[in-house]
Amino acid sequence: MNRNLIEAMPTMDEPRVIFEGSPSQVVNLPTMIGNVLAAVVVLVAAHFAELRWHITPLVGLVPALLLVLRALFVCLQTAFVEIRIDVERITYRQGILNKEVSSLELFRIQHVTSFHPWWERPFGVGTVIVATSDSDAPRWRLAGLPDAESPAL
């Protein structure tokens, strides 16, 4: 048998996975829209300032470029988040250069709330807020989960 196939096979000790993946990029929609609108306002203002005071076009391009880069960085941060929910624990990995891994045993969960902002509802995405008895992390926010009100989550 192929060695890679054997390594990829789950062992009997691994718990059943309920959800594994990254949050949806839909959670970044307000940031994206806000940054695009701000970039447009900056470019329009810079254009009128350039016509009136004869300034360099870079005055408007640099801030607009920074706004676009900020929006891309927010999307990149979301892409580098991994959430794994199995029958024993929730594992949350995040970080682009530095990785941070947090784990929560399910027996510590006290209350779960499912929240669906209006911009996430058409995409079938929501946020799950978990209240725990853990003193280090009493509240977990799992944003961008598909089918967030599913009983399986």
N, C-alpha and C. Protein backbone atom coordinates (compact mmCIF):
# COMPACT_ATOMS: atom_id res chain seq x y z
N MET A 1 0.83 -1.17 0.00
CA MET A 1 0.00 0.00 0.00
C MET A 1 0.89 1.24 0.00
N ASN A 2 0.41 2.32 -0.61
CA ASN A 2 1.17 3.57 -0.70
C ASN A 2 1.37 4.16 0.69
N ARG A 3 2.60 4.57 0.99
CA ARG A 3 2.93 5.08 2.32
C ARG A 3 2.16 6.36 2.65
N ASN A 4 2.01 7.28 1.66
CA ASN A 4 1.26 8.52 1.89
C ASN A 4 -0.20 8.24 2.20
N LEU A 5 -0.75 7.24 1.56
CA LEU A 5 -2.14 6.88 1.81
C LEU A 5 -2.31 6.35 3.23
N ILE A 6 -1.36 5.57 3.68
CA ILE A 6 -1.43 5.04 5.04
C ILE A 6 -1.33 6.17 6.06
N GLU A 7 -0.46 7.14 5.82
CA GLU A 7 -0.31 8.26 6.75
C GLU A 7 -1.55 9.14 6.76
N ALA A 8 -2.26 9.22 5.64
CA ALA A 8 -3.44 10.08 5.56
C ALA A 8 -4.67 9.44 6.18
N MET A 9 -4.64 8.15 6.40
CA MET A 9 -5.80 7.47 6.96
C MET A 9 -5.96 7.82 8.44
N PRO A 10 -7.20 8.15 8.87
CA PRO A 10 -7.39 8.48 10.28
C PRO A 10 -7.22 7.24 11.15
N THR A 11 -6.67 7.47 12.32
CA THR A 11 -6.54 6.37 13.26
C THR A 11 -7.81 6.27 14.09
N MET A 12 -7.93 5.19 14.82
CA MET A 12 -9.12 4.98 15.63
C MET A 12 -9.14 5.93 16.84
N ASP A 13 -8.00 6.50 17.19
CA ASP A 13 -7.93 7.38 18.35
C ASP A 13 -8.38 8.81 18.05
N GLU A 14 -8.44 9.19 16.78
CA GLU A 14 -8.83 10.55 16.43
C GLU A 14 -10.33 10.74 16.63
N PRO A 15 -10.73 11.84 17.28
CA PRO A 15 -12.16 12.09 17.47
C PRO A 15 -12.84 12.49 16.17
N ARG A 16 -14.15 12.29 16.11
CA ARG A 16 -14.94 12.63 14.93
C ARG A 16 -14.98 14.14 14.75
N VAL A 17 -14.66 14.61 13.56
CA VAL A 17 -14.61 16.05 13.27
C VAL A 17 -15.99 16.53 12.85
N ILE A 18 -16.45 17.60 13.51
CA ILE A 18 -17.73 18.21 13.18
C ILE A 18 -17.54 19.31 12.13
N PHE A 19 -16.52 20.12 12.31
CA PHE A 19 -16.20 21.19 11.35
C PHE A 19 -14.69 21.38 11.34
N GLU A 20 -14.16 21.60 10.15
CA GLU A 20 -12.75 21.92 10.00
C GLU A 20 -12.60 22.83 8.79
N GLY A 21 -12.03 23.99 9.01
CA GLY A 21 -11.84 24.91 7.90
C GLY A 21 -11.53 26.32 8.37
N SER A 22 -11.50 27.23 7.41
CA SER A 22 -11.25 28.64 7.69
C SER A 22 -12.57 29.40 7.66
N PRO A 23 -12.62 30.53 8.35
CA PRO A 23 -13.83 31.34 8.28
C PRO A 23 -14.06 31.85 6.86
N SER A 24 -15.29 32.14 6.55
CA SER A 24 -15.64 32.70 5.25
C SER A 24 -15.11 34.13 5.15
N GLN A 25 -14.69 34.52 3.97
CA GLN A 25 -14.22 35.89 3.76
C GLN A 25 -15.37 36.90 3.81
N VAL A 26 -16.60 36.42 3.88
CA VAL A 26 -17.76 37.30 3.99
C VAL A 26 -17.67 38.15 5.26
N VAL A 27 -17.01 37.65 6.29
CA VAL A 27 -16.88 38.43 7.53
C VAL A 27 -16.11 39.73 7.30
N ASN A 28 -15.36 39.81 6.23
CA ASN A 28 -14.58 41.00 5.92
C ASN A 28 -15.32 41.99 5.03
N LEU A 29 -16.56 41.69 4.68
CA LEU A 29 -17.32 42.55 3.77
C LEU A 29 -17.43 43.99 4.26
N PRO A 30 -17.78 44.27 5.52
CA PRO A 30 -17.84 45.67 5.95
C PRO A 30 -16.49 46.39 5.86
N THR A 31 -15.42 45.70 6.20
CA THR A 31 -14.08 46.29 6.10
C THR A 31 -13.74 46.59 4.65
N MET A 32 -14.04 45.64 3.77
CA MET A 32 -13.74 45.83 2.35
C MET A 32 -14.52 47.01 1.77
N ILE A 33 -15.82 47.06 2.05
CA ILE A 33 -16.65 48.15 1.52
C ILE A 33 -16.18 49.48 2.10
N GLY A 34 -15.91 49.52 3.39
CA GLY A 34 -15.45 50.76 4.01
C GLY A 34 -14.13 51.24 3.44
N ASN A 35 -13.20 50.33 3.23
CA ASN A 35 -11.90 50.72 2.68
C ASN A 35 -12.00 51.16 1.23
N VAL A 36 -12.84 50.50 0.45
CA VAL A 36 -13.01 50.90 -0.95
C VAL A 36 -13.65 52.28 -1.02
N LEU A 37 -14.69 52.52 -0.21
CA LEU A 37 -15.32 53.84 -0.20
C LEU A 37 -14.34 54.92 0.26
N ALA A 38 -13.56 54.63 1.29
CA ALA A 38 -12.57 55.60 1.77
C ALA A 38 -11.51 55.87 0.70
N ALA A 39 -11.08 54.84 -0.02
CA ALA A 39 -10.09 55.03 -1.08
C ALA A 39 -10.66 55.89 -2.20
N VAL A 40 -11.94 55.68 -2.54
CA VAL A 40 -12.57 56.50 -3.58
C VAL A 40 -12.65 57.96 -3.13
N VAL A 41 -13.05 58.18 -1.87
CA VAL A 41 -13.13 59.55 -1.34
C VAL A 41 -11.75 60.21 -1.37
N VAL A 42 -10.72 59.48 -0.96
CA VAL A 42 -9.36 60.02 -0.96
C VAL A 42 -8.92 60.37 -2.38
N LEU A 43 -9.21 59.49 -3.34
CA LEU A 43 -8.80 59.75 -4.73
C LEU A 43 -9.54 60.95 -5.32
N VAL A 44 -10.84 61.06 -5.03
CA VAL A 44 -11.62 62.21 -5.54
C VAL A 44 -11.12 63.50 -4.90
N ALA A 45 -10.91 63.48 -3.59
CA ALA A 45 -10.40 64.68 -2.91
C ALA A 45 -9.02 65.06 -3.43
N ALA A 46 -8.17 64.07 -3.66
CA ALA A 46 -6.83 64.35 -4.18
C ALA A 46 -6.90 64.92 -5.60
N HIS A 47 -7.86 64.43 -6.39
CA HIS A 47 -8.01 64.94 -7.76
C HIS A 47 -8.40 66.42 -7.74
N PHE A 48 -9.38 66.77 -6.89
CA PHE A 48 -9.78 68.17 -6.81
C PHE A 48 -8.67 69.03 -6.22
N ALA A 49 -7.93 68.50 -5.26
CA ALA A 49 -6.80 69.25 -4.69
C ALA A 49 -5.70 69.44 -5.73
N GLU A 50 -5.50 68.44 -6.57
CA GLU A 50 -4.48 68.53 -7.62
C GLU A 50 -4.84 69.61 -8.64
N LEU A 51 -6.13 69.70 -8.98
CA LEU A 51 -6.57 70.72 -9.93
C LEU A 51 -6.44 72.13 -9.35
N ARG A 52 -6.69 72.25 -8.07
CA ARG A 52 -6.68 73.58 -7.45
C ARG A 52 -5.28 74.03 -7.04
N TRP A 53 -4.48 73.15 -6.47
CA TRP A 53 -3.19 73.56 -5.91
C TRP A 53 -1.98 72.97 -6.64
N HIS A 54 -2.20 72.24 -7.68
CA HIS A 54 -1.11 71.66 -8.49
C HIS A 54 -0.16 70.82 -7.64
N ILE A 55 -0.72 69.87 -6.93
CA ILE A 55 0.09 68.95 -6.13
C ILE A 55 0.31 67.66 -6.91
N THR A 56 1.22 66.86 -6.46
CA THR A 56 1.53 65.61 -7.14
C THR A 56 0.39 64.59 -6.95
N PRO A 57 0.12 63.77 -7.94
CA PRO A 57 -0.95 62.76 -7.80
C PRO A 57 -0.67 61.72 -6.71
N LEU A 58 0.58 61.61 -6.29
CA LEU A 58 0.91 60.64 -5.24
C LEU A 58 0.23 60.96 -3.91
N VAL A 59 -0.16 62.22 -3.73
CA VAL A 59 -0.84 62.62 -2.49
C VAL A 59 -2.13 61.82 -2.31
N GLY A 60 -2.79 61.49 -3.37
CA GLY A 60 -4.01 60.70 -3.28
C GLY A 60 -3.78 59.21 -3.46
N LEU A 61 -2.80 58.87 -4.28
CA LEU A 61 -2.56 57.46 -4.56
C LEU A 61 -1.99 56.69 -3.38
N VAL A 62 -1.10 57.31 -2.63
CA VAL A 62 -0.46 56.62 -1.50
C VAL A 62 -1.48 56.25 -0.42
N PRO A 63 -2.33 57.20 0.05
CA PRO A 63 -3.33 56.79 1.05
C PRO A 63 -4.33 55.77 0.51
N ALA A 64 -4.72 55.91 -0.75
CA ALA A 64 -5.65 54.94 -1.33
C ALA A 64 -5.01 53.56 -1.41
N LEU A 65 -3.75 53.52 -1.78
CA LEU A 65 -3.04 52.24 -1.83
C LEU A 65 -2.91 51.62 -0.44
N LEU A 66 -2.66 52.45 0.58
CA LEU A 66 -2.59 51.94 1.95
C LEU A 66 -3.93 51.37 2.41
N LEU A 67 -5.03 52.00 2.02
CA LEU A 67 -6.35 51.48 2.37
C LEU A 67 -6.60 50.13 1.70
N VAL A 68 -6.21 50.00 0.45
CA VAL A 68 -6.38 48.73 -0.26
C VAL A 68 -5.49 47.66 0.36
N LEU A 69 -4.26 48.01 0.71
CA LEU A 69 -3.36 47.04 1.36
C LEU A 69 -3.90 46.60 2.72
N ARG A 70 -4.51 47.52 3.45
CA ARG A 70 -5.10 47.16 4.74
C ARG A 70 -6.24 46.17 4.54
N ALA A 71 -7.07 46.40 3.53
CA ALA A 71 -8.17 45.48 3.25
C ALA A 71 -7.64 44.10 2.86
N LEU A 72 -6.59 44.06 2.06
CA LEU A 72 -5.99 42.78 1.68
C LEU A 72 -5.37 42.07 2.88
N PHE A 73 -4.78 42.84 3.80
CA PHE A 73 -4.19 42.25 5.00
C PHE A 73 -5.26 41.62 5.89
N VAL A 74 -6.41 42.29 6.00
CA VAL A 74 -7.51 41.73 6.79
C VAL A 74 -7.98 40.41 6.18
N CYS A 75 -8.08 40.36 4.85
CA CYS A 75 -8.47 39.11 4.18
C CYS A 75 -7.41 38.03 4.38
N LEU A 76 -6.16 38.41 4.36
CA LEU A 76 -5.07 37.46 4.58
C LEU A 76 -5.11 36.91 6.00
N GLN A 77 -5.39 37.78 6.98
CA GLN A 77 -5.52 37.31 8.36
C GLN A 77 -6.63 36.28 8.49
N THR A 78 -7.76 36.52 7.84
CA THR A 78 -8.87 35.57 7.88
C THR A 78 -8.49 34.26 7.20
N ALA A 79 -7.75 34.34 6.12
CA ALA A 79 -7.35 33.12 5.41
C ALA A 79 -6.40 32.27 6.24
N PHE A 80 -5.67 32.88 7.16
CA PHE A 80 -4.72 32.14 7.99
C PHE A 80 -5.31 31.73 9.34
N VAL A 81 -6.62 31.67 9.42
CA VAL A 81 -7.30 31.16 10.62
C VAL A 81 -7.83 29.77 10.29
N GLU A 82 -7.58 28.83 11.17
CA GLU A 82 -8.11 27.47 11.02
C GLU A 82 -8.91 27.14 12.27
N ILE A 83 -10.13 26.67 12.05
CA ILE A 83 -10.99 26.26 13.16
C ILE A 83 -11.29 24.78 12.99
N ARG A 84 -11.10 24.04 14.06
CA ARG A 84 -11.43 22.61 14.04
C ARG A 84 -12.32 22.34 15.25
N ILE A 85 -13.49 21.81 14.98
CA ILE A 85 -14.41 21.43 16.05
C ILE A 85 -14.62 19.93 15.94
N ASP A 86 -14.26 19.22 16.98
CA ASP A 86 -14.52 17.78 17.01
C ASP A 86 -15.35 17.48 18.25
N VAL A 87 -15.59 16.23 18.52
CA VAL A 87 -16.47 15.85 19.62
C VAL A 87 -15.82 16.05 20.99
N GLU A 88 -14.55 16.41 21.04
CA GLU A 88 -13.86 16.62 22.31
C GLU A 88 -13.46 18.06 22.57
N ARG A 89 -13.12 18.82 21.51
CA ARG A 89 -12.58 20.17 21.73
C ARG A 89 -12.75 21.05 20.50
N ILE A 90 -12.55 22.34 20.74
CA ILE A 90 -12.47 23.33 19.67
C ILE A 90 -11.01 23.79 19.62
N THR A 91 -10.41 23.74 18.44
CA THR A 91 -9.04 24.20 18.26
C THR A 91 -9.05 25.36 17.28
N TYR A 92 -8.41 26.46 17.69
CA TYR A 92 -8.40 27.69 16.91
C TYR A 92 -6.95 28.07 16.64
N ARG A 93 -6.56 28.03 15.37
CA ARG A 93 -5.19 28.39 14.97
C ARG A 93 -5.26 29.68 14.18
N GLN A 94 -4.35 30.60 14.49
CA GLN A 94 -4.32 31.86 13.75
C GLN A 94 -2.90 32.39 13.66
N GLY A 95 -2.68 33.24 12.67
CA GLY A 95 -1.38 33.88 12.54
C GLY A 95 -0.80 33.73 11.16
N ILE A 96 -0.18 34.80 10.69
CA ILE A 96 0.46 34.78 9.38
C ILE A 96 1.93 34.41 9.55
N LEU A 97 2.66 35.17 10.32
CA LEU A 97 4.06 34.86 10.58
C LEU A 97 4.23 34.08 11.88
N ASN A 98 3.56 34.54 12.92
CA ASN A 98 3.59 33.85 14.21
C ASN A 98 2.29 33.10 14.38
N LYS A 99 2.37 31.83 14.69
CA LYS A 99 1.18 31.00 14.88
C LYS A 99 0.78 30.98 16.34
N GLU A 100 -0.51 31.09 16.58
CA GLU A 100 -1.06 30.95 17.93
C GLU A 100 -2.14 29.88 17.87
N VAL A 101 -2.06 28.92 18.77
CA VAL A 101 -3.03 27.83 18.81
C VAL A 101 -3.71 27.84 20.17
N SER A 102 -5.04 27.90 20.15
CA SER A 102 -5.83 27.83 21.38
C SER A 102 -6.75 26.63 21.28
N SER A 103 -6.98 26.01 22.42
CA SER A 103 -7.83 24.83 22.44
C SER A 103 -8.80 24.94 23.62
N LEU A 104 -10.02 24.51 23.39
CA LEU A 104 -11.05 24.55 24.42
C LEU A 104 -11.73 23.19 24.49
N GLU A 105 -11.69 22.59 25.65
CA GLU A 105 -12.38 21.31 25.85
C GLU A 105 -13.88 21.59 25.90
N LEU A 106 -14.67 20.74 25.26
CA LEU A 106 -16.10 20.99 25.16
C LEU A 106 -16.82 20.97 26.50
N PHE A 107 -16.29 20.26 27.49
CA PHE A 107 -16.98 20.21 28.77
C PHE A 107 -16.94 21.56 29.49
N ARG A 108 -16.09 22.49 29.03
CA ARG A 108 -16.01 23.83 29.63
C ARG A 108 -17.05 24.79 29.07
N ILE A 109 -17.76 24.40 28.03
CA ILE A 109 -18.74 25.29 27.41
C ILE A 109 -19.96 25.42 28.31
N GLN A 110 -20.36 26.69 28.56
CA GLN A 110 -21.54 26.95 29.37
C GLN A 110 -22.72 27.41 28.53
N HIS A 111 -22.44 28.21 27.50
CA HIS A 111 -23.53 28.77 26.69
C HIS A 111 -23.01 29.03 25.28
N VAL A 112 -23.87 28.80 24.28
CA VAL A 112 -23.51 29.04 22.89
C VAL A 112 -24.57 29.94 22.26
N THR A 113 -24.12 30.99 21.57
CA THR A 113 -25.02 31.90 20.87
C THR A 113 -24.63 31.93 19.40
N SER A 114 -25.64 31.88 18.54
CA SER A 114 -25.41 31.98 17.10
C SER A 114 -25.89 33.36 16.65
N PHE A 115 -25.02 34.11 16.00
CA PHE A 115 -25.30 35.48 15.59
C PHE A 115 -25.13 35.58 14.08
N HIS A 116 -26.12 36.19 13.40
CA HIS A 116 -26.09 36.28 11.94
C HIS A 116 -26.31 37.72 11.49
N PRO A 117 -25.24 38.51 11.28
CA PRO A 117 -25.40 39.87 10.76
C PRO A 117 -26.06 39.85 9.38
N TRP A 118 -26.69 40.95 9.03
CA TRP A 118 -27.46 41.00 7.79
C TRP A 118 -26.61 40.73 6.57
N TRP A 119 -25.34 41.09 6.56
CA TRP A 119 -24.51 40.87 5.37
C TRP A 119 -24.01 39.43 5.27
N GLU A 120 -24.11 38.68 6.35
CA GLU A 120 -23.68 37.28 6.32
C GLU A 120 -24.83 36.33 5.99
N ARG A 121 -26.06 36.73 6.30
CA ARG A 121 -27.21 35.83 6.11
C ARG A 121 -27.39 35.35 4.67
N PRO A 122 -27.29 36.20 3.66
CA PRO A 122 -27.47 35.69 2.29
C PRO A 122 -26.45 34.64 1.88
N PHE A 123 -25.32 34.60 2.55
CA PHE A 123 -24.26 33.65 2.23
C PHE A 123 -24.31 32.40 3.09
N GLY A 124 -25.28 32.33 4.01
CA GLY A 124 -25.39 31.15 4.88
C GLY A 124 -24.27 31.05 5.90
N VAL A 125 -23.76 32.20 6.32
CA VAL A 125 -22.62 32.25 7.23
C VAL A 125 -23.05 32.96 8.51
N GLY A 126 -22.44 32.60 9.62
CA GLY A 126 -22.76 33.25 10.89
C GLY A 126 -21.60 33.20 11.85
N THR A 127 -21.83 33.77 13.01
CA THR A 127 -20.83 33.81 14.07
C THR A 127 -21.34 33.02 15.26
N VAL A 128 -20.51 32.18 15.81
CA VAL A 128 -20.86 31.41 17.01
C VAL A 128 -20.07 32.00 18.16
N ILE A 129 -20.78 32.40 19.21
CA ILE A 129 -20.14 32.94 20.40
C ILE A 129 -20.29 31.91 21.51
N VAL A 130 -19.16 31.50 22.07
CA VAL A 130 -19.13 30.43 23.07
C VAL A 130 -18.70 31.03 24.41
N ALA A 131 -19.57 30.91 25.42
CA ALA A 131 -19.22 31.31 26.78
C ALA A 131 -18.71 30.07 27.51
N THR A 132 -17.56 30.22 28.17
CA THR A 132 -16.92 29.06 28.79
C THR A 132 -16.63 29.31 30.27
N SER A 133 -16.27 28.25 30.95
CA SER A 133 -15.84 28.35 32.34
C SER A 133 -14.32 28.51 32.44
N ASP A 134 -13.66 28.65 31.30
CA ASP A 134 -12.21 28.81 31.26
C ASP A 134 -11.85 30.24 31.67
N SER A 135 -11.03 30.40 32.69
CA SER A 135 -10.68 31.74 33.18
C SER A 135 -9.75 32.48 32.22
N ASP A 136 -8.96 31.77 31.44
CA ASP A 136 -8.06 32.42 30.48
C ASP A 136 -8.80 32.97 29.27
N ALA A 137 -9.79 32.26 28.79
CA ALA A 137 -10.57 32.68 27.62
C ALA A 137 -12.05 32.42 27.91
N PRO A 138 -12.71 33.33 28.64
CA PRO A 138 -14.10 33.07 29.01
C PRO A 138 -15.08 33.17 27.85
N ARG A 139 -14.66 33.79 26.75
CA ARG A 139 -15.56 33.96 25.61
C ARG A 139 -14.79 33.73 24.31
N TRP A 140 -15.31 32.84 23.49
CA TRP A 140 -14.72 32.56 22.18
C TRP A 140 -15.68 33.07 21.11
N ARG A 141 -15.11 33.72 20.10
CA ARG A 141 -15.91 34.21 18.97
C ARG A 141 -15.41 33.52 17.72
N LEU A 142 -16.25 32.67 17.15
CA LEU A 142 -15.90 31.92 15.94
C LEU A 142 -16.70 32.53 14.79
N ALA A 143 -16.09 33.45 14.07
CA ALA A 143 -16.77 34.18 13.01
C ALA A 143 -16.65 33.45 11.68
N GLY A 144 -17.65 33.66 10.83
CA GLY A 144 -17.59 33.16 9.47
C GLY A 144 -17.81 31.68 9.30
N LEU A 145 -18.54 31.06 10.22
CA LEU A 145 -18.80 29.63 10.10
C LEU A 145 -20.01 29.38 9.21
N PRO A 146 -19.90 28.46 8.26
CA PRO A 146 -21.06 28.11 7.45
C PRO A 146 -22.08 27.36 8.30
N ASP A 147 -23.36 27.67 8.06
CA ASP A 147 -24.46 27.00 8.76
C ASP A 147 -24.24 27.06 10.28
N ALA A 148 -24.05 28.28 10.79
CA ALA A 148 -23.65 28.47 12.19
C ALA A 148 -24.72 28.08 13.19
N GLU A 149 -25.97 27.99 12.77
CA GLU A 149 -27.00 27.60 13.73
C GLU A 149 -27.33 26.12 13.68
N SER A 150 -26.51 25.37 12.98
CA SER A 150 -26.70 23.93 12.90
C SER A 150 -26.53 23.29 14.27
N PRO A 151 -27.38 22.36 14.63
CA PRO A 151 -27.22 21.68 15.92
C PRO A 151 -25.91 20.90 16.02
N ALA A 152 -25.34 20.54 14.88
CA ALA A 152 -24.08 19.79 14.90
C ALA A 152 -22.94 20.64 15.43
N LEU A 153 -23.04 21.97 15.23
CA LEU A 153 -22.00 22.86 15.76
C LEU A 153 -22.32 23.10 17.20
